[in-house]
N, C-alpha and C. Protein backbone atom coordinates (compact mmCIF):
# COMPACT_ATOMS: atom_id res chain seq x y z
N UNK A 1 2.25 -22.07 22.58
CA UNK A 1 2.98 -22.94 21.69
C UNK A 1 4.45 -23.02 22.10
N UNK A 2 5.03 -21.88 22.41
CA UNK A 2 6.44 -21.90 22.84
C UNK A 2 6.59 -22.59 24.19
N UNK A 3 5.61 -22.45 25.06
CA UNK A 3 5.65 -23.14 26.36
C UNK A 3 5.63 -24.65 26.15
N UNK A 4 4.81 -25.09 25.20
CA UNK A 4 4.72 -26.52 24.91
C UNK A 4 6.04 -27.03 24.35
N UNK A 5 6.67 -26.26 23.46
CA UNK A 5 7.96 -26.67 22.89
C UNK A 5 9.02 -26.75 23.98
N UNK A 6 9.04 -25.74 24.85
CA UNK A 6 10.02 -25.71 25.94
C UNK A 6 9.83 -26.88 26.90
N UNK A 7 8.59 -27.16 27.27
CA UNK A 7 8.34 -28.26 28.19
C UNK A 7 8.65 -29.61 27.56
N UNK A 8 8.42 -29.76 26.27
CA UNK A 8 8.72 -31.02 25.59
C UNK A 8 10.23 -31.23 25.53
N UNK A 9 10.98 -30.17 25.30
CA UNK A 9 12.44 -30.29 25.26
C UNK A 9 13.03 -30.56 26.64
N UNK A 10 12.39 -30.01 27.68
CA UNK A 10 12.92 -30.19 29.04
C UNK A 10 12.73 -31.61 29.54
N UNK A 11 11.66 -32.27 29.09
CA UNK A 11 11.39 -33.61 29.59
C UNK A 11 12.22 -34.68 28.88
N UNK A 12 12.86 -34.34 27.76
CA UNK A 12 13.67 -35.30 27.02
C UNK A 12 15.15 -35.10 27.35
N UNK A 13 15.95 -36.15 27.15
CA UNK A 13 17.39 -36.01 27.44
C UNK A 13 18.06 -35.02 26.48
N UNK A 14 19.13 -34.37 26.98
CA UNK A 14 19.87 -33.40 26.17
C UNK A 14 20.76 -34.15 25.18
N UNK A 15 20.59 -33.76 23.89
CA UNK A 15 21.43 -34.32 22.83
C UNK A 15 21.85 -33.18 21.90
N UNK A 16 22.89 -33.39 21.12
CA UNK A 16 23.43 -32.31 20.30
C UNK A 16 22.69 -32.14 18.96
N UNK A 17 21.95 -33.12 18.55
CA UNK A 17 21.26 -33.03 17.27
C UNK A 17 19.77 -32.75 17.48
N UNK A 18 19.09 -32.44 16.39
CA UNK A 18 17.67 -32.08 16.47
C UNK A 18 16.84 -33.35 16.63
N UNK A 19 15.82 -33.26 17.46
CA UNK A 19 14.94 -34.41 17.72
C UNK A 19 13.72 -34.35 16.80
N UNK A 20 13.07 -35.46 16.63
CA UNK A 20 11.88 -35.54 15.79
C UNK A 20 10.76 -34.69 16.36
N UNK A 21 10.64 -34.66 17.68
CA UNK A 21 9.59 -33.85 18.29
C UNK A 21 9.85 -32.36 18.05
N UNK A 22 11.12 -31.96 17.98
CA UNK A 22 11.46 -30.57 17.68
C UNK A 22 11.00 -30.19 16.27
N UNK A 23 11.25 -31.08 15.33
CA UNK A 23 10.82 -30.83 13.95
C UNK A 23 9.31 -30.67 13.90
N UNK A 24 8.60 -31.58 14.54
CA UNK A 24 7.14 -31.54 14.51
C UNK A 24 6.60 -30.27 15.16
N UNK A 25 7.12 -29.92 16.33
CA UNK A 25 6.61 -28.74 17.03
C UNK A 25 6.96 -27.44 16.30
N UNK A 26 8.14 -27.39 15.72
CA UNK A 26 8.50 -26.18 14.95
C UNK A 26 7.61 -26.04 13.72
N UNK A 27 7.32 -27.14 13.06
CA UNK A 27 6.43 -27.06 11.89
C UNK A 27 5.01 -26.68 12.29
N UNK A 28 4.56 -27.17 13.43
CA UNK A 28 3.24 -26.73 13.92
C UNK A 28 3.25 -25.24 14.21
N UNK A 29 4.34 -24.76 14.78
CA UNK A 29 4.50 -23.33 15.05
C UNK A 29 4.49 -22.54 13.74
N UNK A 30 5.15 -23.05 12.71
CA UNK A 30 5.17 -22.39 11.40
C UNK A 30 3.76 -22.32 10.81
N UNK A 31 2.99 -23.38 10.93
CA UNK A 31 1.63 -23.38 10.40
C UNK A 31 0.74 -22.37 11.14
N UNK A 32 0.88 -22.29 12.44
CA UNK A 32 0.10 -21.31 13.21
C UNK A 32 0.49 -19.89 12.81
N UNK A 33 1.78 -19.65 12.68
CA UNK A 33 2.26 -18.33 12.29
C UNK A 33 1.79 -17.98 10.88
N UNK A 34 1.81 -18.93 9.97
CA UNK A 34 1.34 -18.70 8.60
C UNK A 34 -0.15 -18.36 8.58
N UNK A 35 -0.93 -19.02 9.43
CA UNK A 35 -2.36 -18.71 9.51
C UNK A 35 -2.58 -17.29 10.03
N UNK A 36 -1.76 -16.88 11.00
CA UNK A 36 -1.87 -15.50 11.51
C UNK A 36 -1.47 -14.49 10.43
N UNK A 37 -0.44 -14.80 9.66
CA UNK A 37 -0.04 -13.91 8.57
C UNK A 37 -1.13 -13.81 7.51
N UNK A 38 -1.76 -14.93 7.21
CA UNK A 38 -2.86 -14.93 6.24
C UNK A 38 -4.00 -14.06 6.73
N UNK A 39 -4.33 -14.19 8.00
CA UNK A 39 -5.40 -13.37 8.59
C UNK A 39 -5.04 -11.88 8.52
N UNK A 40 -3.81 -11.54 8.87
CA UNK A 40 -3.38 -10.14 8.84
C UNK A 40 -3.40 -9.60 7.42
N UNK A 41 -2.97 -10.39 6.45
CA UNK A 41 -2.97 -9.97 5.05
C UNK A 41 -4.38 -9.73 4.55
N UNK A 42 -5.29 -10.64 4.84
CA UNK A 42 -6.67 -10.49 4.40
C UNK A 42 -7.31 -9.26 5.06
N UNK A 43 -7.05 -9.06 6.33
CA UNK A 43 -7.58 -7.90 7.03
C UNK A 43 -7.04 -6.61 6.42
N UNK A 44 -5.73 -6.56 6.15
CA UNK A 44 -5.12 -5.38 5.54
C UNK A 44 -5.70 -5.11 4.17
N UNK A 45 -5.81 -6.14 3.35
CA UNK A 45 -6.34 -5.97 2.00
C UNK A 45 -7.80 -5.53 2.00
N UNK A 46 -8.60 -6.08 2.90
CA UNK A 46 -10.01 -5.67 2.94
C UNK A 46 -10.13 -4.22 3.37
N UNK A 47 -9.30 -3.79 4.32
CA UNK A 47 -9.34 -2.40 4.77
C UNK A 47 -8.89 -1.46 3.67
N UNK A 48 -7.78 -1.80 2.99
CA UNK A 48 -7.29 -0.92 1.94
C UNK A 48 -8.21 -0.94 0.71
N UNK A 49 -8.85 -2.05 0.44
CA UNK A 49 -9.77 -2.09 -0.70
C UNK A 49 -11.00 -1.22 -0.43
N UNK A 50 -11.47 -1.21 0.80
CA UNK A 50 -12.58 -0.31 1.14
C UNK A 50 -12.16 1.14 1.01
N UNK A 51 -10.93 1.44 1.45
CA UNK A 51 -10.42 2.80 1.36
C UNK A 51 -10.28 3.21 -0.11
N UNK A 52 -9.75 2.30 -0.95
CA UNK A 52 -9.61 2.60 -2.37
C UNK A 52 -10.96 2.81 -3.03
N UNK A 53 -11.96 2.02 -2.63
CA UNK A 53 -13.30 2.17 -3.21
C UNK A 53 -13.88 3.53 -2.85
N UNK A 54 -13.72 3.95 -1.58
CA UNK A 54 -14.20 5.27 -1.18
C UNK A 54 -13.48 6.38 -1.93
N UNK A 55 -12.18 6.20 -2.12
CA UNK A 55 -11.39 7.21 -2.82
C UNK A 55 -11.83 7.31 -4.29
N UNK A 56 -12.07 6.16 -4.94
CA UNK A 56 -12.55 6.18 -6.32
C UNK A 56 -13.92 6.84 -6.42
N UNK A 57 -14.78 6.58 -5.44
CA UNK A 57 -16.11 7.19 -5.44
C UNK A 57 -16.01 8.71 -5.31
N UNK A 58 -15.14 9.17 -4.38
CA UNK A 58 -14.94 10.62 -4.23
C UNK A 58 -14.39 11.24 -5.50
N UNK A 59 -13.43 10.57 -6.13
CA UNK A 59 -12.84 11.08 -7.37
C UNK A 59 -13.88 11.14 -8.48
N UNK A 60 -14.73 10.13 -8.54
CA UNK A 60 -15.79 10.11 -9.55
C UNK A 60 -16.77 11.25 -9.31
N UNK A 61 -17.12 11.49 -8.04
CA UNK A 61 -18.03 12.59 -7.73
C UNK A 61 -17.42 13.93 -8.09
N UNK A 62 -16.12 14.11 -7.77
CA UNK A 62 -15.44 15.36 -8.12
C UNK A 62 -15.37 15.55 -9.63
N UNK A 63 -15.12 14.46 -10.36
CA UNK A 63 -15.05 14.54 -11.81
C UNK A 63 -16.41 14.92 -12.38
N UNK A 64 -17.47 14.30 -11.85
CA UNK A 64 -18.82 14.64 -12.31
C UNK A 64 -19.15 16.09 -12.00
N UNK A 65 -18.74 16.58 -10.83
CA UNK A 65 -19.01 17.96 -10.46
C UNK A 65 -18.27 18.92 -11.38
N UNK A 66 -17.01 18.60 -11.71
CA UNK A 66 -16.24 19.45 -12.61
C UNK A 66 -16.87 19.47 -14.00
N UNK A 67 -17.36 18.30 -14.45
CA UNK A 67 -18.01 18.25 -15.75
C UNK A 67 -19.30 19.08 -15.75
N UNK A 68 -20.06 19.00 -14.65
CA UNK A 68 -21.28 19.80 -14.55
C UNK A 68 -20.95 21.29 -14.55
N UNK A 69 -19.91 21.68 -13.82
CA UNK A 69 -19.51 23.09 -13.80
C UNK A 69 -19.08 23.56 -15.18
N UNK A 70 -18.34 22.71 -15.90
CA UNK A 70 -17.90 23.06 -17.24
C UNK A 70 -19.08 23.23 -18.18
N UNK A 71 -20.04 22.33 -18.07
CA UNK A 71 -21.23 22.42 -18.91
C UNK A 71 -22.01 23.69 -18.60
N UNK A 72 -22.14 24.00 -17.33
CA UNK A 72 -22.84 25.22 -16.94
C UNK A 72 -22.10 26.47 -17.43
N UNK A 73 -20.78 26.47 -17.36
CA UNK A 73 -20.01 27.61 -17.83
C UNK A 73 -20.16 27.80 -19.34
N UNK A 74 -20.17 26.69 -20.07
CA UNK A 74 -20.33 26.77 -21.52
C UNK A 74 -21.75 27.14 -21.91
N UNK A 75 -22.71 26.75 -21.12
CA UNK A 75 -24.11 27.00 -21.46
C UNK A 75 -24.51 28.45 -21.24
N UNK A 76 -23.87 29.15 -20.33
CA UNK A 76 -24.22 30.54 -20.02
C UNK A 76 -23.07 31.46 -20.41
N UNK A 77 -23.06 31.95 -21.65
CA UNK A 77 -21.99 32.88 -22.03
C UNK A 77 -22.14 34.20 -21.28
N UNK A 78 -21.02 34.77 -20.88
CA UNK A 78 -21.03 36.03 -20.15
C UNK A 78 -21.22 37.19 -21.11
N UNK A 79 -21.97 38.21 -20.63
CA UNK A 79 -22.22 39.38 -21.46
C UNK A 79 -21.97 40.63 -20.64
N UNK A 80 -21.71 41.72 -21.35
CA UNK A 80 -21.62 43.03 -20.71
C UNK A 80 -20.39 43.21 -19.84
N UNK A 81 -20.56 43.98 -18.73
CA UNK A 81 -19.41 44.32 -17.89
C UNK A 81 -18.82 43.11 -17.16
N UNK A 82 -19.62 42.09 -16.88
CA UNK A 82 -19.12 40.90 -16.21
C UNK A 82 -18.11 40.17 -17.09
N UNK A 83 -18.41 40.11 -18.41
CA UNK A 83 -17.51 39.44 -19.35
C UNK A 83 -16.17 40.18 -19.41
N UNK A 84 -16.19 41.50 -19.48
CA UNK A 84 -14.94 42.25 -19.56
C UNK A 84 -14.14 42.12 -18.26
N UNK A 85 -14.80 42.03 -17.10
CA UNK A 85 -14.10 41.88 -15.82
C UNK A 85 -13.40 40.53 -15.76
N UNK A 86 -14.05 39.48 -16.23
CA UNK A 86 -13.45 38.14 -16.23
C UNK A 86 -12.28 38.11 -17.19
N UNK A 87 -12.40 38.70 -18.37
CA UNK A 87 -11.32 38.72 -19.34
C UNK A 87 -10.10 39.45 -18.79
N UNK A 88 -10.34 40.58 -18.05
CA UNK A 88 -9.22 41.34 -17.48
C UNK A 88 -8.48 40.52 -16.43
N UNK A 89 -9.20 39.78 -15.59
CA UNK A 89 -8.52 38.98 -14.57
C UNK A 89 -7.73 37.85 -15.20
N UNK A 90 -8.21 37.28 -16.28
CA UNK A 90 -7.46 36.22 -16.95
C UNK A 90 -6.17 36.78 -17.53
N UNK A 91 -6.23 37.97 -18.13
CA UNK A 91 -5.03 38.58 -18.69
C UNK A 91 -4.05 38.91 -17.58
N UNK A 92 -4.52 39.43 -16.43
CA UNK A 92 -3.64 39.75 -15.31
C UNK A 92 -2.97 38.51 -14.75
N UNK A 93 -3.68 37.40 -14.73
CA UNK A 93 -3.11 36.16 -14.20
C UNK A 93 -1.98 35.65 -15.09
N UNK A 94 -2.07 35.86 -16.41
CA UNK A 94 -1.08 35.33 -17.33
C UNK A 94 0.20 36.14 -17.35
N UNK A 95 0.14 37.46 -17.01
CA UNK A 95 1.33 38.31 -17.05
C UNK A 95 2.17 38.04 -15.81
N UNK A 96 3.45 37.75 -15.97
CA UNK A 96 4.28 37.50 -14.79
C UNK A 96 4.54 38.79 -14.03
N UNK A 97 4.61 38.68 -12.74
CA UNK A 97 4.84 39.86 -11.91
C UNK A 97 6.28 40.30 -12.06
N UNK A 98 6.47 41.62 -12.22
CA UNK A 98 7.84 42.13 -12.36
C UNK A 98 8.44 42.29 -10.98
N UNK A 99 9.75 42.06 -10.85
CA UNK A 99 10.38 42.18 -9.54
C UNK A 99 10.37 43.62 -9.07
N UNK A 100 9.97 43.81 -7.85
CA UNK A 100 9.87 45.15 -7.28
C UNK A 100 11.07 45.46 -6.41
N UNK A 101 10.93 46.50 -5.60
CA UNK A 101 12.00 46.90 -4.71
C UNK A 101 12.15 45.85 -3.63
N UNK A 102 13.39 45.50 -3.33
CA UNK A 102 13.65 44.49 -2.31
C UNK A 102 13.43 43.08 -2.81
N UNK A 103 13.50 42.89 -4.12
CA UNK A 103 13.28 41.57 -4.71
C UNK A 103 14.43 40.63 -4.35
N UNK A 104 14.11 39.38 -4.21
CA UNK A 104 15.13 38.38 -3.85
C UNK A 104 15.29 37.35 -4.95
N UNK A 105 15.38 37.85 -6.21
CA UNK A 105 15.50 36.89 -7.31
C UNK A 105 16.82 36.15 -7.27
N UNK A 106 17.91 36.81 -6.88
CA UNK A 106 19.20 36.12 -6.84
C UNK A 106 19.22 35.06 -5.74
N UNK A 107 18.62 35.34 -4.59
CA UNK A 107 18.58 34.33 -3.53
C UNK A 107 17.66 33.18 -3.92
N UNK A 108 16.62 33.49 -4.67
CA UNK A 108 15.73 32.43 -5.15
C UNK A 108 16.48 31.53 -6.11
N UNK A 109 17.29 32.13 -6.99
CA UNK A 109 18.07 31.31 -7.93
C UNK A 109 19.04 30.41 -7.19
N UNK A 110 19.67 30.96 -6.13
CA UNK A 110 20.61 30.16 -5.36
C UNK A 110 19.92 28.96 -4.72
N UNK A 111 18.70 29.16 -4.21
CA UNK A 111 17.98 28.06 -3.58
C UNK A 111 17.62 26.98 -4.59
N UNK A 112 17.33 27.38 -5.81
CA UNK A 112 16.97 26.40 -6.83
C UNK A 112 18.17 25.52 -7.20
N UNK A 113 19.38 26.08 -7.17
CA UNK A 113 20.56 25.33 -7.55
C UNK A 113 20.99 24.33 -6.49
N UNK A 114 20.75 24.63 -5.23
CA UNK A 114 21.20 23.76 -4.15
C UNK A 114 20.29 22.55 -4.03
N UNK A 115 20.88 21.38 -3.91
CA UNK A 115 20.11 20.16 -3.71
C UNK A 115 20.06 19.89 -2.21
N UNK A 116 18.87 19.80 -1.70
CA UNK A 116 18.71 19.57 -0.27
C UNK A 116 18.41 18.10 0.00
N UNK A 117 18.51 17.74 1.25
CA UNK A 117 18.17 16.38 1.66
C UNK A 117 16.72 16.07 1.32
N UNK A 118 15.85 17.08 1.47
CA UNK A 118 14.43 16.88 1.17
C UNK A 118 14.23 16.53 -0.29
N UNK A 119 14.98 17.20 -1.19
CA UNK A 119 14.86 16.90 -2.62
C UNK A 119 15.27 15.47 -2.93
N UNK A 120 16.39 15.05 -2.34
CA UNK A 120 16.88 13.69 -2.56
C UNK A 120 15.88 12.68 -2.01
N UNK A 121 15.37 12.94 -0.80
CA UNK A 121 14.41 12.02 -0.19
C UNK A 121 13.13 11.94 -1.01
N UNK A 122 12.65 13.07 -1.51
CA UNK A 122 11.42 13.04 -2.30
C UNK A 122 11.64 12.29 -3.61
N UNK A 123 12.84 12.40 -4.20
CA UNK A 123 13.14 11.64 -5.41
C UNK A 123 13.17 10.14 -5.13
N UNK A 124 13.78 9.76 -4.02
CA UNK A 124 13.85 8.35 -3.64
C UNK A 124 12.45 7.80 -3.41
N UNK A 125 11.62 8.56 -2.70
CA UNK A 125 10.25 8.11 -2.41
C UNK A 125 9.45 7.99 -3.70
N UNK A 126 9.57 8.94 -4.60
CA UNK A 126 8.83 8.85 -5.86
C UNK A 126 9.29 7.66 -6.69
N UNK A 127 10.61 7.37 -6.69
CA UNK A 127 11.11 6.20 -7.40
C UNK A 127 10.57 4.90 -6.79
N UNK A 128 10.53 4.84 -5.47
CA UNK A 128 9.99 3.66 -4.81
C UNK A 128 8.51 3.48 -5.12
N UNK A 129 7.77 4.57 -5.17
CA UNK A 129 6.33 4.48 -5.50
C UNK A 129 6.13 3.97 -6.91
N UNK A 130 6.97 4.43 -7.84
CA UNK A 130 6.86 3.96 -9.23
C UNK A 130 7.16 2.47 -9.31
N UNK A 131 8.21 2.02 -8.61
CA UNK A 131 8.55 0.60 -8.63
C UNK A 131 7.47 -0.24 -7.98
N UNK A 132 6.88 0.28 -6.88
CA UNK A 132 5.82 -0.46 -6.20
C UNK A 132 4.60 -0.57 -7.11
N UNK A 133 4.31 0.50 -7.85
CA UNK A 133 3.17 0.46 -8.76
C UNK A 133 3.38 -0.56 -9.87
N UNK A 134 4.63 -0.75 -10.29
CA UNK A 134 4.92 -1.71 -11.35
C UNK A 134 4.70 -3.14 -10.88
N UNK A 135 4.96 -3.43 -9.61
CA UNK A 135 4.83 -4.79 -9.08
C UNK A 135 3.53 -5.00 -8.33
N UNK A 136 2.65 -4.05 -8.38
CA UNK A 136 1.42 -4.13 -7.59
C UNK A 136 0.46 -5.16 -8.19
N UNK A 137 -0.02 -6.03 -7.33
CA UNK A 137 -1.00 -7.02 -7.72
C UNK A 137 -2.30 -6.68 -6.98
N UNK A 138 -3.32 -6.40 -7.75
CA UNK A 138 -4.58 -6.04 -7.12
C UNK A 138 -5.47 -7.27 -7.04
N UNK A 139 -5.94 -7.53 -5.85
CA UNK A 139 -6.80 -8.68 -5.61
C UNK A 139 -8.24 -8.20 -5.72
N UNK A 140 -8.96 -8.80 -6.63
CA UNK A 140 -10.33 -8.34 -6.87
C UNK A 140 -11.29 -8.80 -5.78
N UNK A 141 -11.12 -10.04 -5.31
CA UNK A 141 -12.01 -10.56 -4.29
C UNK A 141 -11.18 -11.16 -3.15
N UNK A 142 -11.30 -10.56 -1.98
CA UNK A 142 -10.53 -10.99 -0.82
C UNK A 142 -10.97 -12.37 -0.35
N UNK A 143 -12.22 -12.69 -0.55
CA UNK A 143 -12.75 -13.98 -0.10
C UNK A 143 -12.06 -15.16 -0.78
N UNK A 144 -11.49 -14.92 -1.95
CA UNK A 144 -10.79 -15.99 -2.67
C UNK A 144 -9.59 -16.48 -1.85
N UNK A 145 -8.90 -15.53 -1.19
CA UNK A 145 -7.75 -15.91 -0.36
C UNK A 145 -8.20 -16.84 0.76
N UNK A 146 -9.29 -16.50 1.41
CA UNK A 146 -9.81 -17.36 2.48
C UNK A 146 -10.23 -18.72 1.95
N UNK A 147 -10.87 -18.73 0.78
CA UNK A 147 -11.30 -20.01 0.21
C UNK A 147 -10.11 -20.92 -0.09
N UNK A 148 -9.07 -20.35 -0.68
CA UNK A 148 -7.87 -21.14 -0.97
C UNK A 148 -7.18 -21.56 0.32
N UNK A 149 -7.14 -20.68 1.29
CA UNK A 149 -6.47 -20.99 2.56
C UNK A 149 -7.17 -22.12 3.30
N UNK A 150 -8.49 -22.19 3.19
CA UNK A 150 -9.23 -23.27 3.84
C UNK A 150 -8.89 -24.63 3.26
N UNK A 151 -8.39 -24.64 2.04
CA UNK A 151 -7.99 -25.90 1.41
C UNK A 151 -6.48 -26.13 1.55
N UNK A 152 -5.70 -25.08 1.28
CA UNK A 152 -4.25 -25.22 1.23
C UNK A 152 -3.64 -25.53 2.60
N UNK A 153 -4.05 -24.80 3.65
CA UNK A 153 -3.46 -25.03 4.97
C UNK A 153 -3.72 -26.45 5.49
N UNK A 154 -4.96 -26.93 5.53
CA UNK A 154 -5.15 -28.30 6.02
C UNK A 154 -4.48 -29.36 5.13
N UNK A 155 -4.54 -29.15 3.80
CA UNK A 155 -3.93 -30.10 2.89
C UNK A 155 -2.41 -30.16 3.09
N UNK A 156 -1.79 -29.01 3.21
CA UNK A 156 -0.34 -29.01 3.42
C UNK A 156 0.03 -29.58 4.79
N UNK A 157 -0.81 -29.37 5.79
CA UNK A 157 -0.53 -29.96 7.11
C UNK A 157 -0.68 -31.47 7.06
N UNK A 158 -1.65 -31.97 6.35
CA UNK A 158 -1.82 -33.41 6.19
C UNK A 158 -0.62 -34.00 5.43
N UNK A 159 -0.19 -33.33 4.36
CA UNK A 159 0.98 -33.80 3.62
C UNK A 159 2.23 -33.80 4.48
N UNK A 160 2.39 -32.74 5.29
CA UNK A 160 3.53 -32.71 6.21
C UNK A 160 3.46 -33.87 7.18
N UNK A 161 2.28 -34.15 7.74
CA UNK A 161 2.13 -35.26 8.68
C UNK A 161 2.45 -36.60 8.04
N UNK A 162 1.99 -36.80 6.83
CA UNK A 162 2.28 -38.06 6.12
C UNK A 162 3.79 -38.20 5.94
N UNK A 163 4.43 -37.15 5.45
CA UNK A 163 5.88 -37.19 5.25
C UNK A 163 6.61 -37.38 6.59
N UNK A 164 6.18 -36.67 7.61
CA UNK A 164 6.82 -36.74 8.93
C UNK A 164 6.73 -38.15 9.52
N UNK A 165 5.52 -38.70 9.54
CA UNK A 165 5.33 -40.01 10.17
C UNK A 165 5.98 -41.13 9.39
N UNK A 166 6.01 -41.00 8.05
CA UNK A 166 6.71 -42.01 7.25
C UNK A 166 8.22 -41.93 7.51
N UNK A 167 8.72 -40.70 7.56
CA UNK A 167 10.16 -40.49 7.75
C UNK A 167 10.61 -40.96 9.14
N UNK A 168 9.91 -40.58 10.20
CA UNK A 168 10.40 -40.86 11.55
C UNK A 168 9.88 -42.18 12.14
N UNK A 169 8.93 -42.83 11.50
CA UNK A 169 8.46 -44.11 12.01
C UNK A 169 9.34 -45.24 11.49
N UNK A 170 9.76 -45.15 10.26
CA UNK A 170 10.55 -46.26 9.68
C UNK A 170 11.99 -45.97 9.68
């Protein structure tokens, strides 16, 4: 396309203003580029929608597994020494560990007070994700984009041609 534009400009005399053939060829270039962008967008959306579907399926399976485990835990109450062992580990988990010899609680406190570049970057990224989620438009059927494009691109090119030929012929 660029070779065609260059050769068309080389065969015509040099003038300081834009020629009608330049307008036409640039608009043809814009239409080709728009079709490529549409193809890339549809391809990206179809790939990400498949990925999202797989992710939802995995999450659903994990949720079902957790529910099954919970039901099984509730259905079989623990008795005897096993019950007391489980209760002891739960109590141990809830008690905070006391600082021992060589504890670095003061250095830990210092690290918490300092704001690092990583903290700032993670805050910026989380804010951007929240904003992106607010403006996110989910396309339910990717084929709709292709169906509209099959009508919109040719129709707009025909309208451009009508406007172009009326403008530059008369």
